[in-house]
Structure formats: structure tokens, C-alpha cells
């Protein structure tokens, strides 16, 4: 697993963040990671978890804004990334 610094997490798409988080969990569960590295990847995992939670909250808020018009088509949608 290529680790970069935590500053990249804030720009990471959900799929990439959850994939890396799953890799970290598997490595920690195996118990073959030295203690110092375990602490470092655990901290990164916490940051990835927060990123995923933030993205899920944003998606939930976006879904709540969707309404249907008289023809049953969605209206009031916004891009997920807010752009």
C-alpha cells in the first residue's frame, strides 16, 4: 500500500478512501505490522474514516434535496462535489 501524507485525504474520492481504509484494516487484523507502523496506519485509517463519513453526509444531504416534478423526473439536484 503506497502511503502518502494525510493532506491528500481531503481530496480523495469516496471509493479510493474506502479502498485504502479496507487495506489498512486488513493489515492491522493480520497483526504482522510493527507497532510503530501500526500506530501510523491506524491514524491514517481514522482520517480516511472521517473523509468517508463526510462524503456520505454530503451525499445524504444531496439526496434529501431531490424532489420529483409532476412527470416524476428528479429536480433540485446538485453536483456531489458542490462544483
C-alpha atoms as a PDB file:
ATOM      1  CA  UNK A   1       0.000   0.000   0.000  1.00  0.00           C
ATOM      2  CA  UNK A   2       1.538   3.266  -1.073  1.00  0.00           C
ATOM      3  CA  UNK A   3       1.133   5.743   1.739  1.00  0.00           C
ATOM      4  CA  UNK A   4       1.177   9.426   1.120  1.00  0.00           C
ATOM      5  CA  UNK A   5       0.694  12.132   3.700  1.00  0.00           C
ATOM      6  CA  UNK A   6      -2.703  12.826   5.230  1.00  0.00           C
ATOM      7  CA  UNK A   7      -3.164  16.074   3.289  1.00  0.00           C
ATOM      8  CA  UNK A   8      -4.214  14.071   0.212  1.00  0.00           C
ATOM      9  CA  UNK A   9      -7.160  12.540   2.076  1.00  0.00           C
ATOM     10  CA  UNK A  10      -9.236  15.723   1.881  1.00  0.00           C
ATOM     11  CA  UNK A  11      -9.278  15.459  -1.917  1.00  0.00           C
ATOM     12  CA  UNK A  12      -9.775  11.715  -2.122  1.00  0.00           C
ATOM     13  CA  UNK A  13     -12.953  10.341  -3.723  1.00  0.00           C
ATOM     14  CA  UNK A  14     -15.054   8.027  -1.562  1.00  0.00           C
ATOM     15  CA  UNK A  15     -14.169   4.868  -3.472  1.00  0.00           C
ATOM     16  CA  UNK A  16     -10.425   5.436  -3.115  1.00  0.00           C
ATOM     17  CA  UNK A  17     -10.702   6.352   0.582  1.00  0.00           C
ATOM     18  CA  UNK A  18     -12.790   3.292   1.461  1.00  0.00           C
ATOM     19  CA  UNK A  19     -10.459   1.033  -0.537  1.00  0.00           C
ATOM     20  CA  UNK A  20      -7.410   2.293   1.346  1.00  0.00           C
ATOM     21  CA  UNK A  21      -9.255   2.056   4.663  1.00  0.00           C
ATOM     22  CA  UNK A  22     -10.119  -1.584   3.952  1.00  0.00           C
ATOM     23  CA  UNK A  23      -6.454  -2.295   3.159  1.00  0.00           C
ATOM     24  CA  UNK A  24      -5.379  -0.720   6.459  1.00  0.00           C
ATOM     25  CA  UNK A  25      -7.926  -2.764   8.414  1.00  0.00           C
ATOM     26  CA  UNK A  26      -6.725  -5.995   6.772  1.00  0.00           C
ATOM     27  CA  UNK A  27      -3.096  -5.191   7.562  1.00  0.00           C
ATOM     28  CA  UNK A  28      -3.900  -4.420  11.189  1.00  0.00           C
ATOM     29  CA  UNK A  29      -6.012  -7.572  11.553  1.00  0.00           C
ATOM     30  CA  UNK A  30      -3.127  -9.704  10.261  1.00  0.00           C
ATOM     31  CA  UNK A  31      -1.016  -8.453  13.162  1.00  0.00           C
ATOM     32  CA  UNK A  32       2.200  -8.582  11.144  1.00  0.00           C
ATOM     33  CA  UNK A  33       2.816  -4.838  11.160  1.00  0.00           C
ATOM     34  CA  UNK A  34       5.448  -3.431  13.550  1.00  0.00           C
ATOM     35  CA  UNK A  35       3.974  -1.403  16.420  1.00  0.00           C
ATOM     36  CA  UNK A  36       5.185   2.000  15.211  1.00  0.00           C
ATOM     37  CA  UNK A  37       3.823   1.407  11.715  1.00  0.00           C
ATOM     38  CA  UNK A  38       0.572   0.077  13.193  1.00  0.00           C
ATOM     39  CA  UNK A  39       0.060   3.343  15.052  1.00  0.00           C
ATOM     40  CA  UNK A  40       0.829   5.384  11.913  1.00  0.00           C
ATOM     41  CA  UNK A  41      -1.535   3.448   9.660  1.00  0.00           C
ATOM     42  CA  UNK A  42      -4.219   3.417  12.370  1.00  0.00           C
ATOM     43  CA  UNK A  43      -4.057   7.224  12.471  1.00  0.00           C
ATOM     44  CA  UNK A  44      -4.309   7.368   8.675  1.00  0.00           C
ATOM     45  CA  UNK A  45      -7.248   4.975   8.871  1.00  0.00           C
ATOM     46  CA  UNK A  46      -9.019   7.328  11.277  1.00  0.00           C
ATOM     47  CA  UNK A  47      -8.512  10.225   8.829  1.00  0.00           C
ATOM     48  CA  UNK A  48      -9.830   8.074   5.965  1.00  0.00           C
ATOM     49  CA  UNK A  49     -12.864   7.085   8.060  1.00  0.00           C
ATOM     50  CA  UNK A  50     -13.649  10.759   8.727  1.00  0.00           C
ATOM     51  CA  UNK A  51     -13.330  11.513   4.986  1.00  0.00           C
ATOM     52  CA  UNK A  52     -15.753   8.711   4.119  1.00  0.00           C
ATOM     53  CA  UNK A  53     -18.219   9.890   6.761  1.00  0.00           C
ATOM     54  CA  UNK A  54     -18.036  13.463   5.430  1.00  0.00           C
ATOM     55  CA  UNK A  55     -18.645  12.315   1.858  1.00  0.00           C
ATOM     56  CA  UNK A  56     -21.574  10.144   2.952  1.00  0.00           C
ATOM     57  CA  UNK A  57     -23.130  13.085   4.838  1.00  0.00           C
ATOM     58  CA  UNK A  58     -22.750  15.244   1.719  1.00  0.00           C
ATOM     59  CA  UNK A  59     -24.374  12.573  -0.438  1.00  0.00           C
ATOM     60  CA  UNK A  60     -27.213  12.169   2.063  1.00  0.00           C
ATOM     61  CA  UNK A  61     -27.832  15.930   2.081  1.00  0.00           C
ATOM     62  CA  UNK A  62     -27.859  15.928  -1.714  1.00  0.00           C
ATOM     63  CA  UNK A  63     -30.366  13.055  -1.851  1.00  0.00           C
ATOM     64  CA  UNK A  64     -32.623  14.881   0.613  1.00  0.00           C
ATOM     65  CA  UNK A  65     -32.745  17.860  -1.783  1.00  0.00           C
ATOM     66  CA  UNK A  66     -34.015  15.775  -4.693  1.00  0.00           C
ATOM     67  CA  UNK A  67     -37.672  16.275  -5.433  1.00  0.00           C
ATOM     68  CA  UNK A  68     -39.800  14.999  -8.271  1.00  0.00           C
ATOM     69  CA  UNK A  69     -41.711  17.157 -10.711  1.00  0.00           C
ATOM     70  CA  UNK A  70     -45.244  16.381 -11.932  1.00  0.00           C
ATOM     71  CA  UNK A  71     -43.812  13.995 -14.557  1.00  0.00           C
ATOM     72  CA  UNK A  72     -41.874  12.091 -11.887  1.00  0.00           C
ATOM     73  CA  UNK A  73     -38.488  13.385 -13.001  1.00  0.00           C
ATOM     74  CA  UNK A  74     -35.926  14.487 -10.387  1.00  0.00           C
ATOM     75  CA  UNK A  75     -35.448  18.207  -9.910  1.00  0.00           C
ATOM     76  CA  UNK A  76     -33.399  20.238  -7.469  1.00  0.00           C
ATOM     77  CA  UNK A  77     -30.281  18.113  -7.862  1.00  0.00           C
ATOM     78  CA  UNK A  78     -26.773  19.470  -7.312  1.00  0.00           C
ATOM     79  CA  UNK A  79     -23.343  18.081  -8.182  1.00  0.00           C
ATOM     80  CA  UNK A  80     -21.945  15.909  -5.373  1.00  0.00           C
ATOM     81  CA  UNK A  81     -18.702  17.854  -5.107  1.00  0.00           C
ATOM     82  CA  UNK A  82     -20.518  21.180  -4.915  1.00  0.00           C
ATOM     83  CA  UNK A  83     -18.963  22.476  -8.130  1.00  0.00           C
END
